[in-house]
Protein backbone atom coordinates (compact mmCIF):
# COMPACT_ATOMS: atom_id res chain seq x y z
CA MET A 1 6.01 -14.92 0.99
CA LEU A 2 8.58 -12.32 2.05
CA ASP A 3 10.86 -14.96 3.57
CA LEU A 4 10.55 -17.18 0.48
CA LEU A 5 11.25 -14.27 -1.84
CA ILE A 6 14.32 -13.09 0.08
CA GLU A 7 15.68 -16.64 0.36
CA LYS A 8 15.27 -17.18 -3.39
CA ILE A 9 17.03 -13.94 -4.20
CA LYS A 10 19.90 -14.64 -1.83
CA THR A 11 20.60 -17.96 -3.55
CA ASP A 12 20.85 -16.27 -6.94
CA LYS A 13 24.10 -14.30 -7.35
CA GLU A 14 22.70 -11.97 -10.04
CA TYR A 15 19.85 -10.80 -7.84
CA ASP A 16 21.64 -10.99 -4.50
CA ASP A 17 24.15 -8.37 -5.67
CA ASN A 18 21.29 -6.05 -6.65
CA PHE A 19 19.04 -6.76 -3.67
CA GLN A 20 19.25 -3.22 -2.28
CA LYS A 21 18.38 -1.78 -5.70
CA ILE A 22 15.36 -4.06 -6.14
CA PHE A 23 13.87 -3.64 -2.67
CA VAL A 24 13.81 -0.27 -0.99
CA GLU A 25 13.61 -0.51 2.78
CA THR A 26 11.83 2.43 4.35
CA GLU A 27 10.92 3.27 7.91
CA ILE A 28 7.69 5.26 8.05
CA THR A 29 5.77 6.91 10.87
CA SER A 30 2.14 6.23 11.68
CA LYS A 31 -0.39 7.96 9.41
CA THR A 32 1.97 7.78 6.40
CA THR A 33 0.09 7.32 3.13
CA LEU A 34 1.77 4.96 0.68
CA LEU A 35 -0.95 5.09 -1.98
CA ASN A 36 -3.91 7.43 -2.38
CA GLU A 37 -7.26 6.40 -3.77
CA GLY A 38 -7.26 7.34 -7.47
CA GLU A 39 -3.51 6.87 -8.00
CA ILE A 40 -2.00 4.01 -10.00
CA ALA A 41 -0.32 1.42 -7.75
CA ASN A 42 3.27 0.95 -8.91
CA HIS A 43 4.62 -0.78 -5.82
CA ILE A 44 3.95 -3.82 -3.73
CA TYR A 45 4.93 -3.48 -0.08
CA PHE A 46 6.23 -6.18 2.23
CA ILE A 47 5.90 -5.42 5.92
CA LYS A 48 8.95 -6.20 8.02
CA LYS A 49 7.54 -4.54 11.14
CA GLY A 50 4.36 -2.62 11.78
CA CYS A 51 0.83 -2.37 10.48
CA LEU A 52 -0.83 -0.96 7.37
CA ARG A 53 -4.49 -0.57 6.54
CA LEU A 54 -6.33 -0.55 3.25
CA TRP A 55 -9.31 1.81 3.17
CA PHE A 56 -11.59 3.76 0.87
CA ASN A 57 -13.66 6.91 1.15
CA LYS A 58 -17.45 6.73 1.19
CA ASP A 59 -19.19 10.12 1.34
CA GLY A 60 -16.34 11.69 3.32
CA LYS A 61 -16.03 8.77 5.72
CA ASP A 62 -13.15 6.31 5.60
CA ILE A 63 -14.09 2.63 5.52
CA THR A 64 -11.37 0.16 6.48
CA LEU A 65 -11.29 -2.97 4.34
CA GLN A 66 -8.27 -4.81 5.68
CA PHE A 67 -5.29 -4.66 8.04
CA PHE A 68 -1.83 -6.03 7.26
CA PHE A 69 0.93 -7.00 9.67
CA GLU A 70 4.47 -8.39 9.65
CA ASN A 71 5.43 -10.69 6.76
CA GLN A 72 2.40 -9.75 4.68
CA ALA A 73 2.37 -8.20 1.23
CA VAL A 74 0.20 -5.16 0.51
CA ALA A 75 -0.84 -3.49 -2.72
CA SER A 76 -3.96 -2.25 -4.37
CA ILE A 77 -3.93 -5.46 -6.40
CA ASP A 78 -6.38 -4.46 -9.12
CA SER A 79 -4.54 -1.20 -9.74
CA PHE A 80 -1.13 -2.90 -9.54
CA LEU A 81 -2.07 -5.54 -12.11
CA SER A 82 -4.22 -3.47 -14.48
CA ASP A 83 -2.77 0.06 -14.27
CA LYS A 84 -6.20 1.39 -13.30
CA PRO A 85 -6.64 4.02 -10.58
CA SER A 86 -6.71 2.49 -7.14
CA MET A 87 -10.04 2.25 -5.35
CA PHE A 88 -8.13 2.21 -2.05
CA THR A 89 -5.70 4.19 0.09
CA ILE A 90 -2.88 2.37 1.89
CA GLU A 91 -1.60 3.98 5.08
CA SER A 92 0.38 3.05 8.17
CA ILE A 93 -1.35 3.03 11.54
CA GLU A 94 1.81 2.54 13.58
CA PRO A 95 5.53 3.07 12.90
CA THR A 96 6.31 0.57 10.15
CA ILE A 97 9.28 -0.79 8.26
CA ILE A 98 8.48 -1.82 4.70
CA LEU A 99 10.30 -3.19 1.72
CA SER A 100 8.87 -1.70 -1.45
CA LEU A 101 9.20 -3.40 -4.79
CA HIS A 102 8.45 -1.50 -7.99
CA LYS A 103 6.13 -3.16 -10.50
CA ASP A 104 8.89 -3.48 -13.12
CA ASN A 105 11.22 -5.25 -10.67
CA PHE A 106 8.34 -7.45 -9.52
CA ALA A 107 7.74 -8.54 -13.14
CA ARG A 108 11.45 -9.27 -13.60
CA LEU A 109 11.54 -11.33 -10.40
CA LEU A 110 8.55 -13.40 -11.52
CA GLN A 111 10.23 -14.02 -14.89
CA HIS A 112 13.51 -14.97 -13.25
CA PHE A 113 11.86 -17.04 -10.48
CA PRO A 114 8.70 -18.50 -12.06
CA ASP A 115 7.86 -20.54 -8.95
CA LEU A 116 7.27 -17.27 -7.08
CA LYS A 117 4.11 -16.90 -9.17
CA ASP A 118 2.55 -19.63 -7.05
CA GLY A 119 3.31 -17.67 -3.88
CA PHE A 120 1.88 -14.50 -5.37
CA GLN A 121 -1.25 -16.36 -6.47
CA GLU A 122 -1.60 -17.78 -2.96
CA ILE A 123 -1.51 -14.26 -1.54
CA MET A 124 -4.21 -13.19 -3.99
CA TYR A 125 -6.39 -16.21 -3.19
CA ARG A 126 -6.12 -15.53 0.55
CA ARG A 127 -6.92 -11.87 -0.01
CA PHE A 128 -10.02 -12.62 -2.08
CA SER A 129 -11.08 -15.23 0.45
CA ASN A 130 -10.77 -12.58 3.20
CA TYR A 131 -12.86 -10.16 1.14
CA ALA A 132 -15.56 -12.78 0.57
CA ALA A 133 -15.67 -13.63 4.28
CA LEU A 134 -15.91 -9.94 5.20
CA PHE A 135 -18.65 -9.37 2.63
CA LEU A 136 -20.69 -12.34 3.88
CA SER A 137 -20.15 -11.37 7.49
CA ARG A 138 -21.53 -7.90 6.82
CA ILE A 139 -24.66 -9.49 5.35
CA LYS A 140 -25.36 -12.34 7.75
CA ASP A 141 -23.70 -11.50 11.08
CA THR A 142 -24.67 -9.01 13.73
CA PRO A 143 -22.06 -6.45 14.83
CA GLN A 144 -21.65 -8.46 18.06
CA GLU A 145 -20.94 -11.62 16.04
CA ARG A 146 -18.45 -9.79 13.82
CA TYR A 147 -16.64 -8.45 16.90
CA ASN A 148 -16.58 -11.90 18.55
CA ASP A 149 -15.12 -13.37 15.36
CA LEU A 150 -12.46 -10.66 15.32
CA ILE A 151 -11.45 -11.45 18.91
CA LEU A 152 -11.31 -15.16 18.18
CA ASN A 153 -9.63 -15.16 14.78
CA HIS A 154 -7.65 -11.89 14.66
CA PRO A 155 -6.57 -10.91 18.18
CA GLU A 156 -3.64 -8.91 16.76
CA ILE A 157 -6.15 -6.41 15.38
CA ILE A 158 -7.77 -5.95 18.80
CA LYS A 159 -4.33 -5.48 20.41
CA ARG A 160 -2.71 -3.16 17.88
CA VAL A 161 -5.34 -1.22 15.96
CA PRO A 162 -7.10 1.94 17.25
CA GLN A 163 -10.77 1.43 18.10
CA HIS A 164 -12.13 3.83 15.47
CA TYR A 165 -10.43 1.80 12.72
CA ILE A 166 -11.80 -1.44 14.19
CA ALA A 167 -15.29 0.08 14.21
CA SER A 168 -14.87 1.11 10.57
CA TYR A 169 -13.66 -2.39 9.67
CA LEU A 170 -16.68 -3.94 11.41
CA GLY A 171 -19.07 -1.54 9.68
CA ILE A 172 -20.25 0.14 12.87
CA THR A 173 -19.74 3.43 14.68
CA PRO A 174 -17.15 3.82 17.44
CA ILE A 175 -20.03 4.32 19.91
CA SER A 176 -21.59 1.00 18.86
CA LEU A 177 -18.22 -0.70 19.25
CA SER A 178 -17.88 0.75 22.73
CA ARG A 179 -21.30 -0.63 23.68
CA ILE A 180 -20.43 -4.08 22.29
CA ARG A 181 -17.14 -4.09 24.23
CA ASN A 182 -18.91 -3.08 27.45
CA ARG A 183 -21.37 -6.00 27.11
CA ARG A 184 -18.55 -8.55 27.16
């Protein structure tokens, strides 16, 4: 969606002239928090380079829900759309370059470029589909099966994400993940 959005803006003189005002490019270090659980999400982030994770706190333990990489959009969607406190924290897990877009500018872009709504809806559908697959996997699959699926379908996570975050994402302890990896 990032490429489509930038291309659309660059073909429109009104928005191309204000591109730097609409999108704020920021280079952040690893472990930078972009949104804390309980805050209202006012930005959507587009990743140019790097990796972000979406997580929540359960009894003092962080549980990773999803990872995001280059050319993906990230926001606490429910908070962003409804102005409710976010259930999630968004943080970088490696040095990352993001473009941030404030909610007001996002609304203006969707009004000015109505066909971008389809792209945004596609992102939301994919995100909810990912959540449903993760939810079902936690119910029906063993930790070994979840890890095998991760290797097969998301090798970038295995290559780029620290093991303790992968364990959290899979719903297991780092020790269990180590045992699973040693069995392979």
